[in-house]
């Protein structure tokens, strides 16, 4: 049993299975992103490729159950693929985000700075626990969230900021 750990072929097989699972799970993470965003064609294509890779990987494991390295490679590839998929998804920054900003004293100046940076801002007067506040709603592409956050941080370090994924349905201003 332990002689398997000395065999280069056993290690190579486990490494191939690991790589297949990293690819499979990375595609799975991206596929799920596109499903949530309503991108049917891309989700179909990713799902097809993911399924082919999965079948090859699981077949390799099941045909060689006497090699525990294959099982370890499979599990490690699954876990690593999740993280790799998340990193790819962060880099792609696909989709739109609604950023809500609550500012107790700098709302008008903050909305002006955001508009000057090219973002559409909706201002809503609101009441917070300590009195009147400005609530700003800014809908941006995900790749622009860091810029919006930087402007807010620069203008009002006390502002409360949240972001949530949205799916635009109709009209409005979206920064090109």
Protein backbone atom coordinates (compact mmCIF):
# COMPACT_ATOMS: atom_id res chain seq x y z
CA UNK A 1 0.00 0.00 0.00
CA UNK A 2 2.75 2.47 0.95
CA UNK A 3 4.73 1.71 -2.20
CA UNK A 4 2.09 3.73 -4.08
CA UNK A 5 3.50 6.89 -2.47
CA UNK A 6 6.87 6.20 -4.10
CA UNK A 7 5.54 5.68 -7.61
CA UNK A 8 5.91 8.67 -9.97
CA UNK A 9 2.94 7.38 -12.01
CA UNK A 10 0.71 7.46 -8.91
CA UNK A 11 1.74 11.03 -8.15
CA UNK A 12 1.23 12.07 -11.77
CA UNK A 13 -2.26 10.52 -11.82
CA UNK A 14 -3.18 12.34 -8.63
CA UNK A 15 -1.82 15.60 -10.02
CA UNK A 16 -3.88 15.22 -13.20
CA UNK A 17 -7.01 14.54 -11.14
CA UNK A 18 -6.20 17.57 -8.98
CA UNK A 19 -5.85 19.79 -12.07
CA UNK A 20 -9.09 18.44 -13.57
CA UNK A 21 -10.99 19.19 -10.35
CA UNK A 22 -9.52 22.69 -10.09
CA UNK A 23 -10.75 23.34 -13.64
CA UNK A 24 -14.11 21.72 -12.98
CA UNK A 25 -14.84 23.64 -9.81
CA UNK A 26 -13.57 26.94 -11.23
CA UNK A 27 -16.00 26.52 -14.11
CA UNK A 28 -18.74 25.59 -11.64
CA UNK A 29 -18.23 28.81 -9.69
CA UNK A 30 -18.30 30.90 -12.88
CA UNK A 31 -21.32 28.97 -14.22
CA UNK A 32 -23.24 29.74 -11.06
CA UNK A 33 -22.36 33.43 -11.41
CA UNK A 34 -23.73 33.49 -14.96
CA UNK A 35 -26.87 31.59 -13.92
CA UNK A 36 -27.59 34.20 -11.25
CA UNK A 37 -26.94 36.99 -13.76
CA UNK A 38 -29.36 35.41 -16.27
CA UNK A 39 -26.72 34.68 -18.94
CA UNK A 40 -28.17 31.39 -20.24
CA UNK A 41 -25.85 30.79 -23.18
CA UNK A 42 -22.64 31.26 -21.22
CA UNK A 43 -24.02 29.19 -18.32
CA UNK A 44 -24.88 26.35 -20.73
CA UNK A 45 -21.43 26.35 -22.31
CA UNK A 46 -19.65 26.41 -18.93
CA UNK A 47 -21.93 23.66 -17.61
CA UNK A 48 -21.19 21.45 -20.61
CA UNK A 49 -17.41 21.85 -20.23
CA UNK A 50 -17.63 21.37 -16.48
CA UNK A 51 -19.58 18.12 -16.89
CA UNK A 52 -17.05 16.68 -19.34
CA UNK A 53 -14.16 17.49 -17.00
CA UNK A 54 -16.04 16.06 -14.01
CA UNK A 55 -16.74 12.75 -15.75
CA UNK A 56 -13.08 12.37 -16.71
CA UNK A 57 -11.90 13.19 -13.17
CA UNK A 58 -14.35 10.94 -11.32
CA UNK A 59 -13.74 8.06 -13.73
CA UNK A 60 -10.01 8.35 -13.08
CA UNK A 61 -10.58 8.17 -9.33
CA UNK A 62 -13.04 5.27 -9.46
CA UNK A 63 -10.85 3.19 -11.78
CA UNK A 64 -7.91 3.54 -9.39
CA UNK A 65 -9.38 3.35 -5.90
CA UNK A 66 -6.27 1.48 -4.75
CA UNK A 67 -4.33 4.76 -5.04
CA UNK A 68 -5.22 7.01 -2.06
CA UNK A 69 -3.35 9.86 -3.74
CA UNK A 70 -6.13 10.05 -6.34
CA UNK A 71 -8.73 10.60 -3.62
CA UNK A 72 -6.56 13.25 -1.98
CA UNK A 73 -5.99 14.91 -5.37
CA UNK A 74 -9.73 14.86 -6.05
CA UNK A 75 -10.61 16.45 -2.69
CA UNK A 76 -7.79 18.99 -2.84
CA UNK A 77 -8.76 19.93 -6.40
CA UNK A 78 -12.37 20.44 -5.33
CA UNK A 79 -11.37 22.78 -2.50
CA UNK A 80 -8.75 24.64 -4.54
CA UNK A 81 -11.12 24.99 -7.50
CA UNK A 82 -13.65 26.80 -5.34
CA UNK A 83 -11.07 29.38 -4.32
CA UNK A 84 -9.64 29.72 -7.85
CA UNK A 85 -13.18 30.23 -9.22
CA UNK A 86 -13.81 32.95 -6.66
CA UNK A 87 -10.56 34.71 -7.58
CA UNK A 88 -11.43 34.57 -11.29
CA UNK A 89 -14.92 35.88 -10.55
CA UNK A 90 -13.46 38.80 -8.58
CA UNK A 91 -11.16 39.66 -11.49
CA UNK A 92 -13.96 39.51 -14.06
CA UNK A 93 -16.23 41.73 -11.91
CA UNK A 94 -19.26 40.91 -14.03
CA UNK A 95 -22.56 42.51 -13.19
CA UNK A 96 -23.94 45.52 -11.39
CA UNK A 97 -24.04 46.61 -7.77
CA UNK A 98 -26.28 49.01 -5.91
CA UNK A 99 -24.21 50.95 -3.40
CA UNK A 100 -26.22 52.55 -0.59
CA UNK A 101 -24.51 55.29 1.38
CA UNK A 102 -25.82 56.89 4.56
CA UNK A 103 -24.10 60.13 5.50
CA UNK A 104 -25.05 62.25 8.48
CA UNK A 105 -23.46 65.50 7.30
CA UNK A 106 -21.70 65.20 3.96
CA UNK A 107 -24.49 63.81 1.74
CA UNK A 108 -24.84 66.72 -0.71
CA UNK A 109 -21.06 67.10 -1.15
CA UNK A 110 -20.67 63.36 -1.51
CA UNK A 111 -23.38 63.10 -4.17
CA UNK A 112 -21.78 65.98 -6.08
CA UNK A 113 -18.35 64.31 -5.99
CA UNK A 114 -19.85 61.02 -7.21
CA UNK A 115 -21.68 62.79 -10.04
CA UNK A 116 -18.50 64.60 -11.05
CA UNK A 117 -16.84 61.18 -11.26
CA UNK A 118 -19.56 60.14 -13.73
CA UNK A 119 -21.87 58.15 -11.47
CA UNK A 120 -25.64 58.56 -11.25
CA UNK A 121 -26.75 59.27 -7.69
CA UNK A 122 -30.23 59.30 -6.21
CA UNK A 123 -30.48 61.33 -3.00
CA UNK A 124 -33.08 60.44 -0.41
CA UNK A 125 -33.56 62.41 2.82
CA UNK A 126 -33.93 59.98 5.72
CA UNK A 127 -34.04 59.87 9.49
CA UNK A 128 -31.33 57.95 11.35
CA UNK A 129 -31.04 57.23 15.07
CA UNK A 130 -29.39 60.62 15.67
CA UNK A 131 -31.50 62.73 13.31
CA UNK A 132 -31.68 63.54 9.62
CA UNK A 133 -29.22 61.89 7.21
CA UNK A 134 -28.70 61.71 3.48
CA UNK A 135 -29.20 58.31 1.91
CA UNK A 136 -27.52 57.99 -1.47
CA UNK A 137 -28.19 55.24 -3.96
CA UNK A 138 -25.57 54.63 -6.64
CA UNK A 139 -25.92 51.82 -9.19
CA UNK A 140 -22.59 50.90 -10.75
CA UNK A 141 -20.82 48.14 -12.59
CA UNK A 142 -18.98 45.83 -10.20
CA UNK A 143 -15.62 46.93 -11.54
CA UNK A 144 -16.41 50.50 -10.37
CA UNK A 145 -17.31 49.68 -6.75
CA UNK A 146 -13.77 50.34 -5.50
CA UNK A 147 -13.80 53.81 -7.10
CA UNK A 148 -17.10 54.68 -5.45
CA UNK A 149 -15.84 53.37 -2.12
CA UNK A 150 -12.68 55.46 -2.47
CA UNK A 151 -14.66 58.64 -3.12
CA UNK A 152 -16.89 57.95 -0.11
CA UNK A 153 -13.91 57.20 2.15
CA UNK A 154 -12.20 60.41 1.01
CA UNK A 155 -15.30 62.58 1.55
CA UNK A 156 -16.89 61.04 4.66
CA UNK A 157 -15.02 58.46 6.73
CA UNK A 158 -18.08 58.10 9.00
CA UNK A 159 -20.46 57.15 6.16
CA UNK A 160 -22.27 53.82 6.36
CA UNK A 161 -21.87 51.97 3.06
CA UNK A 162 -23.39 48.72 1.84
CA UNK A 163 -23.37 47.06 -1.55
CA UNK A 164 -25.71 44.48 -3.02
CA UNK A 165 -25.75 42.71 -6.35
CA UNK A 166 -28.54 43.78 -8.68
CA UNK A 167 -29.84 42.74 -12.05
CA UNK A 168 -30.82 45.78 -14.14
CA UNK A 169 -34.23 45.30 -15.71
CA UNK A 170 -35.07 48.48 -17.52
CA UNK A 171 -33.70 51.89 -18.36
CA UNK A 172 -31.72 54.19 -16.08
CA UNK A 173 -28.17 55.48 -16.32
CA UNK A 174 -25.33 52.98 -16.37
CA UNK A 175 -21.81 54.30 -16.63
CA UNK A 176 -20.33 52.99 -19.88
